């Protein structure tokens, strides 16, 4: 469910763009960028509990 969020926001951005709602499209794009960057930071800095 959580990995669906960037794609759902991208869909909303595309729909706003199609209906020429540029402010809403830019806002959605900014939110999507922030979510992607936060998830990248989480996955790039979290230690994996590996034991060999």
N, C-alpha and C. Protein backbone atom coordinates (compact mmCIF):
# COMPACT_ATOMS: atom_id res chain seq x y z
N UNK A 1 0.82 -1.20 0.00
CA UNK A 1 0.00 0.00 0.00
C UNK A 1 0.86 1.26 0.00
N UNK A 2 1.95 1.24 0.75
CA UNK A 2 2.78 2.43 0.89
C UNK A 2 3.50 2.74 -0.41
N UNK A 3 3.93 1.73 -1.15
CA UNK A 3 4.65 1.97 -2.40
C UNK A 3 3.73 2.48 -3.51
N UNK A 4 2.44 2.43 -3.28
CA UNK A 4 1.48 2.95 -4.25
C UNK A 4 1.42 4.47 -4.21
N UNK A 5 1.83 5.06 -3.11
CA UNK A 5 1.68 6.50 -2.90
C UNK A 5 2.34 7.36 -3.99
N UNK A 6 3.60 7.13 -4.37
CA UNK A 6 4.17 7.99 -5.42
C UNK A 6 3.44 7.85 -6.75
N UNK A 7 2.98 6.65 -7.06
CA UNK A 7 2.27 6.45 -8.32
C UNK A 7 0.88 7.10 -8.29
N UNK A 8 0.23 7.06 -7.14
CA UNK A 8 -1.07 7.72 -7.02
C UNK A 8 -0.92 9.24 -7.13
N UNK A 9 0.14 9.77 -6.53
CA UNK A 9 0.38 11.20 -6.63
C UNK A 9 0.74 11.58 -8.07
N UNK A 10 1.52 10.72 -8.75
CA UNK A 10 1.85 10.98 -10.15
C UNK A 10 0.60 10.95 -11.03
N UNK A 11 -0.31 10.05 -10.74
CA UNK A 11 -1.58 10.01 -11.48
C UNK A 11 -2.37 11.29 -11.25
N UNK A 12 -2.43 11.74 -10.00
CA UNK A 12 -3.13 13.00 -9.71
C UNK A 12 -2.47 14.16 -10.43
N UNK A 13 -1.14 14.16 -10.49
CA UNK A 13 -0.42 15.21 -11.21
C UNK A 13 -0.77 15.20 -12.68
N UNK A 14 -0.82 14.01 -13.28
CA UNK A 14 -1.16 13.90 -14.70
C UNK A 14 -2.60 14.35 -14.96
N UNK A 15 -3.50 14.00 -14.07
CA UNK A 15 -4.90 14.40 -14.24
C UNK A 15 -5.04 15.92 -14.13
N UNK A 16 -4.37 16.51 -13.13
CA UNK A 16 -4.41 17.96 -13.01
C UNK A 16 -3.82 18.64 -14.24
N UNK A 17 -2.76 18.05 -14.79
CA UNK A 17 -2.15 18.62 -16.00
C UNK A 17 -3.09 18.54 -17.19
N UNK A 18 -3.80 17.43 -17.32
CA UNK A 18 -4.74 17.28 -18.42
C UNK A 18 -5.87 18.29 -18.37
N UNK A 19 -6.29 18.62 -17.15
CA UNK A 19 -7.37 19.59 -16.98
C UNK A 19 -6.84 21.02 -16.81
N UNK A 20 -5.56 21.21 -17.12
CA UNK A 20 -4.91 22.52 -17.10
C UNK A 20 -4.99 23.23 -15.75
N UNK A 21 -4.85 22.46 -14.70
CA UNK A 21 -4.77 23.01 -13.34
C UNK A 21 -3.29 23.01 -12.94
N UNK A 22 -2.57 23.98 -13.45
CA UNK A 22 -1.11 23.96 -13.31
C UNK A 22 -0.65 24.12 -11.86
N UNK A 23 -1.33 24.93 -11.09
CA UNK A 23 -0.93 25.11 -9.68
C UNK A 23 -1.05 23.81 -8.91
N UNK A 24 -2.17 23.11 -9.11
CA UNK A 24 -2.37 21.84 -8.42
C UNK A 24 -1.38 20.79 -8.92
N UNK A 25 -1.09 20.81 -10.21
CA UNK A 25 -0.13 19.85 -10.78
C UNK A 25 1.26 20.08 -10.20
N UNK A 26 1.69 21.34 -10.11
CA UNK A 26 3.00 21.63 -9.52
C UNK A 26 3.03 21.27 -8.04
N UNK A 27 1.94 21.50 -7.34
CA UNK A 27 1.88 21.15 -5.93
C UNK A 27 1.99 19.64 -5.74
N UNK A 28 1.25 18.89 -6.55
CA UNK A 28 1.33 17.42 -6.48
C UNK A 28 2.73 16.93 -6.84
N UNK A 29 3.34 17.55 -7.84
CA UNK A 29 4.68 17.16 -8.23
C UNK A 29 5.67 17.40 -7.10
N UNK A 30 5.52 18.53 -6.42
CA UNK A 30 6.38 18.83 -5.28
C UNK A 30 6.20 17.84 -4.14
N UNK A 31 4.96 17.48 -3.87
CA UNK A 31 4.68 16.49 -2.82
C UNK A 31 5.28 15.14 -3.21
N UNK A 32 5.12 14.76 -4.47
CA UNK A 32 5.67 13.48 -4.93
C UNK A 32 7.19 13.48 -4.83
N UNK A 33 7.83 14.58 -5.18
CA UNK A 33 9.28 14.68 -5.06
C UNK A 33 9.72 14.55 -3.61
N UNK A 34 9.00 15.21 -2.71
CA UNK A 34 9.34 15.13 -1.29
C UNK A 34 9.18 13.71 -0.76
N UNK A 35 8.11 13.04 -1.13
CA UNK A 35 7.88 11.66 -0.69
C UNK A 35 8.98 10.74 -1.21
N UNK A 36 9.33 10.88 -2.47
CA UNK A 36 10.39 10.04 -3.05
C UNK A 36 11.73 10.29 -2.38
N UNK A 37 12.05 11.55 -2.10
CA UNK A 37 13.32 11.85 -1.44
C UNK A 37 13.35 11.34 0.00
N UNK A 38 12.23 11.46 0.70
CA UNK A 38 12.18 10.93 2.07
C UNK A 38 12.32 9.42 2.10
N UNK A 39 11.66 8.74 1.18
CA UNK A 39 11.79 7.28 1.14
C UNK A 39 13.19 6.85 0.72
N UNK A 40 13.81 7.58 -0.20
CA UNK A 40 15.18 7.27 -0.57
C UNK A 40 16.09 7.44 0.63
N UNK A 41 15.93 8.53 1.37
CA UNK A 41 16.76 8.75 2.56
C UNK A 41 16.55 7.64 3.58
N UNK A 42 15.32 7.22 3.77
CA UNK A 42 15.03 6.14 4.71
C UNK A 42 15.70 4.84 4.29
N UNK A 43 15.59 4.50 3.03
CA UNK A 43 16.15 3.24 2.55
C UNK A 43 17.67 3.30 2.39
N UNK A 44 18.21 4.46 2.14
CA UNK A 44 19.65 4.57 1.96
C UNK A 44 20.41 4.63 3.28
N UNK A 45 19.75 5.04 4.35
CA UNK A 45 20.46 5.22 5.62
C UNK A 45 20.09 4.18 6.68
N UNK A 46 19.10 3.36 6.44
CA UNK A 46 18.70 2.36 7.41
C UNK A 46 19.64 1.15 7.32
N UNK A 47 20.10 0.68 8.46
CA UNK A 47 20.98 -0.48 8.48
C UNK A 47 20.17 -1.75 8.30
N UNK A 48 20.72 -2.66 7.52
CA UNK A 48 20.05 -3.94 7.32
C UNK A 48 20.55 -4.94 8.37
N UNK A 49 19.64 -5.65 9.02
CA UNK A 49 20.05 -6.62 10.04
C UNK A 49 20.50 -7.94 9.39
N UNK A 50 21.66 -7.91 8.78
CA UNK A 50 22.18 -9.12 8.12
C UNK A 50 23.18 -9.82 9.04
N UNK A 51 23.08 -11.13 9.08
CA UNK A 51 24.09 -11.89 9.84
C UNK A 51 24.49 -13.10 9.00
N UNK A 52 25.76 -13.19 8.71
CA UNK A 52 26.27 -14.29 7.89
C UNK A 52 27.06 -15.24 8.71
